[in-house]
Amino acid sequence: MSYRNLERTFFKSTYNMREVLFLPLLKLLARLKVTANHITFLRAIIFVFFVMYPLFVKGDLIFASIFYFFGFWFLDTIDGQLARHTKTSSDKGKFNDVFIDILGYSFYIMGLAFLGVANLFVLFFHVIIHGAVYTISAIQKNENQKSDWLMKPE
């Protein structure tokens, strides 16, 4: 089995598992007319709050970073699932999601480096290399598909 087939199988199985686990929440969010872009925007607000948090609060930053990571990850999982559930996926939404992911996870890694948990190589990798590869792969996955926004990979 090739790496690509293994990746597709893993993605499909986790996608199906998330669909079943989150279906009640997805139905509730759809009924409340919450969109995937709303959740992505909420992630951006949480990101700004997390970046500002150490400036105003002195305390346990490790607990805050763990809370941030799991909250950010959960909302990242939900927004994509909600877009697929409501059939409202768009290139603009995908770009916003990728952009917020890169910012959020990069600043998270920077925070870990600041706390002495991660080294500078990990920081550099995530901020520069991971961000570039993540963006390019998001564009590459949309090759030869119609685009409704700025990303026109063809």
C-alpha atoms as a PDB file:
ATOM      1  CA  MET A   1       0.000   0.000   0.000  1.00  0.00           C
ATOM      2  CA  SER A   2       1.442   3.348  -1.014  1.00  0.00           C
ATOM      3  CA  TYR A   3       1.724   6.309   1.311  1.00  0.00           C
ATOM      4  CA  ARG A   4      -0.927   8.192  -0.709  1.00  0.00           C
ATOM      5  CA  ASN A   5      -3.426   5.313  -0.399  1.00  0.00           C
ATOM      6  CA  LEU A   6      -2.701   4.987   3.302  1.00  0.00           C
ATOM      7  CA  GLU A   7      -3.279   8.720   3.744  1.00  0.00           C
ATOM      8  CA  ARG A   8      -6.582   8.585   1.841  1.00  0.00           C
ATOM      9  CA  THR A   9      -7.770   5.585   3.842  1.00  0.00           C
ATOM     10  CA  PHE A  10      -6.859   7.260   7.125  1.00  0.00           C
ATOM     11  CA  PHE A  11      -8.549  10.532   6.129  1.00  0.00           C
ATOM     12  CA  LYS A  12     -11.711   8.745   5.011  1.00  0.00           C
ATOM     13  CA  SER A  13     -11.962   6.712   8.222  1.00  0.00           C
ATOM     14  CA  THR A  14     -11.362   9.701  10.485  1.00  0.00           C
ATOM     15  CA  TYR A  15     -13.770  11.803   8.390  1.00  0.00           C
ATOM     16  CA  ASN A  16     -16.506   9.188   8.828  1.00  0.00           C
ATOM     17  CA  MET A  17     -15.779   8.936  12.559  1.00  0.00           C
ATOM     18  CA  ARG A  18     -15.945  12.733  13.005  1.00  0.00           C
ATOM     19  CA  GLU A  19     -19.149  12.890  10.977  1.00  0.00           C
ATOM     20  CA  VAL A  20     -20.823  10.425  13.357  1.00  0.00           C
ATOM     21  CA  LEU A  21     -19.391  11.972  16.529  1.00  0.00           C
ATOM     22  CA  PHE A  22     -20.213  15.558  15.643  1.00  0.00           C
ATOM     23  CA  LEU A  23     -23.498  15.031  13.779  1.00  0.00           C
ATOM     24  CA  PRO A  24     -25.748  16.242  16.639  1.00  0.00           C
ATOM     25  CA  LEU A  25     -23.586  19.352  17.086  1.00  0.00           C
ATOM     26  CA  LEU A  26     -23.480  19.967  13.325  1.00  0.00           C
ATOM     27  CA  LYS A  27     -27.268  19.720  13.080  1.00  0.00           C
ATOM     28  CA  LEU A  28     -27.652  22.150  15.989  1.00  0.00           C
ATOM     29  CA  LEU A  29     -25.204  24.639  14.477  1.00  0.00           C
ATOM     30  CA  ALA A  30     -26.925  24.388  11.088  1.00  0.00           C
ATOM     31  CA  ARG A  31     -30.312  24.962  12.720  1.00  0.00           C
ATOM     32  CA  LEU A  32     -28.920  28.027  14.509  1.00  0.00           C
ATOM     33  CA  LYS A  33     -27.599  29.237  11.122  1.00  0.00           C
ATOM     34  CA  VAL A  34     -23.994  29.221  12.316  1.00  0.00           C
ATOM     35  CA  THR A  35     -21.682  28.931   9.337  1.00  0.00           C
ATOM     36  CA  ALA A  36     -18.219  27.444   9.059  1.00  0.00           C
ATOM     37  CA  ASN A  37     -16.901  30.962   8.390  1.00  0.00           C
ATOM     38  CA  HIS A  38     -18.399  32.096  11.725  1.00  0.00           C
ATOM     39  CA  ILE A  39     -16.437  29.373  13.493  1.00  0.00           C
ATOM     40  CA  THR A  40     -13.260  30.285  11.603  1.00  0.00           C
ATOM     41  CA  PHE A  41     -13.769  33.912  12.635  1.00  0.00           C
ATOM     42  CA  LEU A  42     -14.261  32.753  16.254  1.00  0.00           C
ATOM     43  CA  ARG A  43     -10.936  30.927  15.986  1.00  0.00           C
ATOM     44  CA  ALA A  44      -9.333  34.187  14.845  1.00  0.00           C
ATOM     45  CA  ILE A  45     -10.767  35.983  17.893  1.00  0.00           C
ATOM     46  CA  ILE A  46      -9.509  33.228  20.201  1.00  0.00           C
ATOM     47  CA  PHE A  47      -6.120  33.500  18.504  1.00  0.00           C
ATOM     48  CA  VAL A  48      -5.924  37.264  19.172  1.00  0.00           C
ATOM     49  CA  PHE A  49      -7.022  36.732  22.786  1.00  0.00           C
ATOM     50  CA  PHE A  50      -4.388  34.048  23.279  1.00  0.00           C
ATOM     51  CA  VAL A  51      -1.645  36.249  21.850  1.00  0.00           C
ATOM     52  CA  MET A  52      -2.682  39.104  24.175  1.00  0.00           C
ATOM     53  CA  TYR A  53      -3.281  36.887  27.251  1.00  0.00           C
ATOM     54  CA  PRO A  54       0.321  36.823  28.567  1.00  0.00           C
ATOM     55  CA  LEU A  55       0.510  40.623  28.376  1.00  0.00           C
ATOM     56  CA  PHE A  56      -2.316  41.117  30.857  1.00  0.00           C
ATOM     57  CA  VAL A  57      -2.472  37.978  32.991  1.00  0.00           C
ATOM     58  CA  LYS A  58       0.348  36.614  35.063  1.00  0.00           C
ATOM     59  CA  GLY A  59      -0.212  33.005  35.827  1.00  0.00           C
ATOM     60  CA  ASP A  60      -0.060  29.494  34.508  1.00  0.00           C
ATOM     61  CA  LEU A  61       0.691  29.930  30.815  1.00  0.00           C
ATOM     62  CA  ILE A  62       1.146  26.195  30.270  1.00  0.00           C
ATOM     63  CA  PHE A  63      -2.477  25.516  31.273  1.00  0.00           C
ATOM     64  CA  ALA A  64      -3.626  28.371  29.038  1.00  0.00           C
ATOM     65  CA  SER A  65      -1.610  27.034  26.100  1.00  0.00           C
ATOM     66  CA  ILE A  66      -3.057  23.527  26.504  1.00  0.00           C
ATOM     67  CA  PHE A  67      -6.581  24.975  26.703  1.00  0.00           C
ATOM     68  CA  TYR A  68      -5.876  27.105  23.621  1.00  0.00           C
ATOM     69  CA  PHE A  69      -4.481  24.192  21.626  1.00  0.00           C
ATOM     70  CA  PHE A  70      -7.423  21.887  22.263  1.00  0.00           C
ATOM     71  CA  GLY A  71      -9.983  24.659  21.758  1.00  0.00           C
ATOM     72  CA  PHE A  72      -8.327  25.768  18.534  1.00  0.00           C
ATOM     73  CA  TRP A  73      -8.063  22.167  17.312  1.00  0.00           C
ATOM     74  CA  PHE A  74     -11.709  21.382  18.168  1.00  0.00           C
ATOM     75  CA  LEU A  75     -13.022  24.475  16.385  1.00  0.00           C
ATOM     76  CA  ASP A  76     -10.749  23.724  13.422  1.00  0.00           C
ATOM     77  CA  THR A  77     -12.285  20.265  13.202  1.00  0.00           C
ATOM     78  CA  ILE A  78     -15.831  21.582  13.535  1.00  0.00           C
ATOM     79  CA  ASP A  79     -15.614  24.320  10.886  1.00  0.00           C
ATOM     80  CA  GLY A  80     -14.596  21.943   8.115  1.00  0.00           C
ATOM     81  CA  GLN A  81     -17.151  19.352   9.157  1.00  0.00           C
ATOM     82  CA  LEU A  82     -19.866  22.026   9.266  1.00  0.00           C
ATOM     83  CA  ALA A  83     -18.967  23.314   5.783  1.00  0.00           C
ATOM     84  CA  ARG A  84     -19.194  19.791   4.371  1.00  0.00           C
ATOM     85  CA  HIS A  85     -22.384  19.020   6.331  1.00  0.00           C
ATOM     86  CA  THR A  86     -24.178  22.140   5.085  1.00  0.00           C
ATOM     87  CA  LYS A  87     -22.572  21.841   1.619  1.00  0.00           C
ATOM     88  CA  THR A  88     -21.256  25.401   1.849  1.00  0.00           C
ATOM     89  CA  SER A  89     -17.565  24.782   1.168  1.00  0.00           C
ATOM     90  CA  SER A  90     -15.892  27.601  -0.713  1.00  0.00           C
ATOM     91  CA  ASP A  91     -12.396  28.548  -1.776  1.00  0.00           C
ATOM     92  CA  LYS A  92     -12.589  31.702   0.335  1.00  0.00           C
ATOM     93  CA  GLY A  93     -13.550  29.651   3.374  1.00  0.00           C
ATOM     94  CA  LYS A  94     -10.744  27.156   2.722  1.00  0.00           C
ATOM     95  CA  PHE A  95      -8.231  29.986   2.346  1.00  0.00           C
ATOM     96  CA  ASN A  96      -9.435  31.672   5.561  1.00  0.00           C
ATOM     97  CA  ASP A  97      -9.260  28.346   7.379  1.00  0.00           C
ATOM     98  CA  VAL A  98      -5.707  27.670   6.164  1.00  0.00           C
ATOM     99  CA  PHE A  99      -4.623  31.231   6.962  1.00  0.00           C
ATOM    100  CA  ILE A 100      -6.011  31.092  10.520  1.00  0.00           C
ATOM    101  CA  ASP A 101      -4.477  27.617  10.975  1.00  0.00           C
ATOM    102  CA  ILE A 102      -1.046  28.868   9.979  1.00  0.00           C
ATOM    103  CA  LEU A 103      -1.271  31.927  12.214  1.00  0.00           C
ATOM    104  CA  GLY A 104      -2.723  30.057  15.165  1.00  0.00           C
ATOM    105  CA  TYR A 105      -0.386  27.102  15.158  1.00  0.00           C
ATOM    106  CA  SER A 106       2.667  29.242  14.379  1.00  0.00           C
ATOM    107  CA  PHE A 107       2.011  31.529  17.317  1.00  0.00           C
ATOM    108  CA  TYR A 108       1.334  28.491  19.475  1.00  0.00           C
ATOM    109  CA  ILE A 109       4.760  27.082  18.576  1.00  0.00           C
ATOM    110  CA  MET A 110       6.315  30.515  19.196  1.00  0.00           C
ATOM    111  CA  GLY A 111       4.719  30.521  22.629  1.00  0.00           C
ATOM    112  CA  LEU A 112       6.142  27.096  23.363  1.00  0.00           C
ATOM    113  CA  ALA A 113       9.572  28.301  22.223  1.00  0.00           C
ATOM    114  CA  PHE A 114       9.211  31.340  24.498  1.00  0.00           C
ATOM    115  CA  LEU A 115       8.396  29.021  27.420  1.00  0.00           C
ATOM    116  CA  GLY A 116      11.470  26.924  26.580  1.00  0.00           C
ATOM    117  CA  VAL A 117       9.473  23.862  25.535  1.00  0.00           C
ATOM    118  CA  ALA A 118      10.309  24.068  21.812  1.00  0.00           C
ATOM    119  CA  ASN A 119      13.608  24.999  20.247  1.00  0.00           C
ATOM    120  CA  LEU A 120      14.266  27.577  17.531  1.00  0.00           C
ATOM    121  CA  PHE A 121      14.488  24.985  14.751  1.00  0.00           C
ATOM    122  CA  VAL A 122      10.964  23.782  15.544  1.00  0.00           C
ATOM    123  CA  LEU A 123       9.834  27.401  15.604  1.00  0.00           C
ATOM    124  CA  PHE A 124      11.459  28.151  12.245  1.00  0.00           C
ATOM    125  CA  PHE A 125      10.075  24.967  10.706  1.00  0.00           C
ATOM    126  CA  HIS A 126       6.509  25.677  11.764  1.00  0.00           C
ATOM    127  CA  VAL A 127       6.425  29.365  11.021  1.00  0.00           C
ATOM    128  CA  ILE A 128       8.193  29.363   7.655  1.00  0.00           C
ATOM    129  CA  ILE A 129       8.367  25.899   6.117  1.00  0.00           C
ATOM    130  CA  HIS A 130       5.154  24.390   7.485  1.00  0.00           C
ATOM    131  CA  GLY A 131       3.170  27.506   6.615  1.00  0.00           C
ATOM    132  CA  ALA A 132       4.442  27.565   3.038  1.00  0.00           C
ATOM    133  CA  VAL A 133       3.934  23.830   2.464  1.00  0.00           C
ATOM    134  CA  TYR A 134       0.462  23.925   4.036  1.00  0.00           C
ATOM    135  CA  THR A 135      -0.596  26.811   1.788  1.00  0.00           C
ATOM    136  CA  ILE A 136       0.850  25.245  -1.365  1.00  0.00           C
ATOM    137  CA  SER A 137      -0.792  21.888  -0.620  1.00  0.00           C
ATOM    138  CA  ALA A 138      -4.166  23.579  -0.102  1.00  0.00           C
ATOM    139  CA  ILE A 139      -3.826  25.236  -3.504  1.00  0.00           C
ATOM    140  CA  GLN A 140      -2.564  22.016  -5.149  1.00  0.00           C
ATOM    141  CA  LYS A 141      -5.547  20.012  -3.873  1.00  0.00           C
ATOM    142  CA  ASN A 142      -7.838  22.417  -5.729  1.00  0.00           C
ATOM    143  CA  GLU A 143      -6.067  22.120  -9.084  1.00  0.00           C
ATOM    144  CA  ASN A 144      -8.374  21.727 -12.066  1.00  0.00           C
ATOM    145  CA  GLN A 145     -11.427  22.706 -10.006  1.00  0.00           C
ATOM    146  CA  LYS A 146     -13.534  25.790 -10.482  1.00  0.00           C
ATOM    147  CA  SER A 147     -12.704  28.545  -8.056  1.00  0.00           C
ATOM    148  CA  ASP A 148     -15.073  31.066  -6.559  1.00  0.00           C
ATOM    149  CA  TRP A 149     -12.389  33.312  -5.131  1.00  0.00           C
ATOM    150  CA  LEU A 150      -8.772  34.403  -5.433  1.00  0.00           C
ATOM    151  CA  MET A 151      -7.199  30.951  -5.446  1.00  0.00           C
ATOM    152  CA  LYS A 152      -7.194  29.883  -9.081  1.00  0.00           C
ATOM    153  CA  PRO A 153      -4.613  27.085  -9.144  1.00  0.00           C
ATOM    154  CA  GLU A 154      -4.962  26.267 -12.828  1.00  0.00           C
END
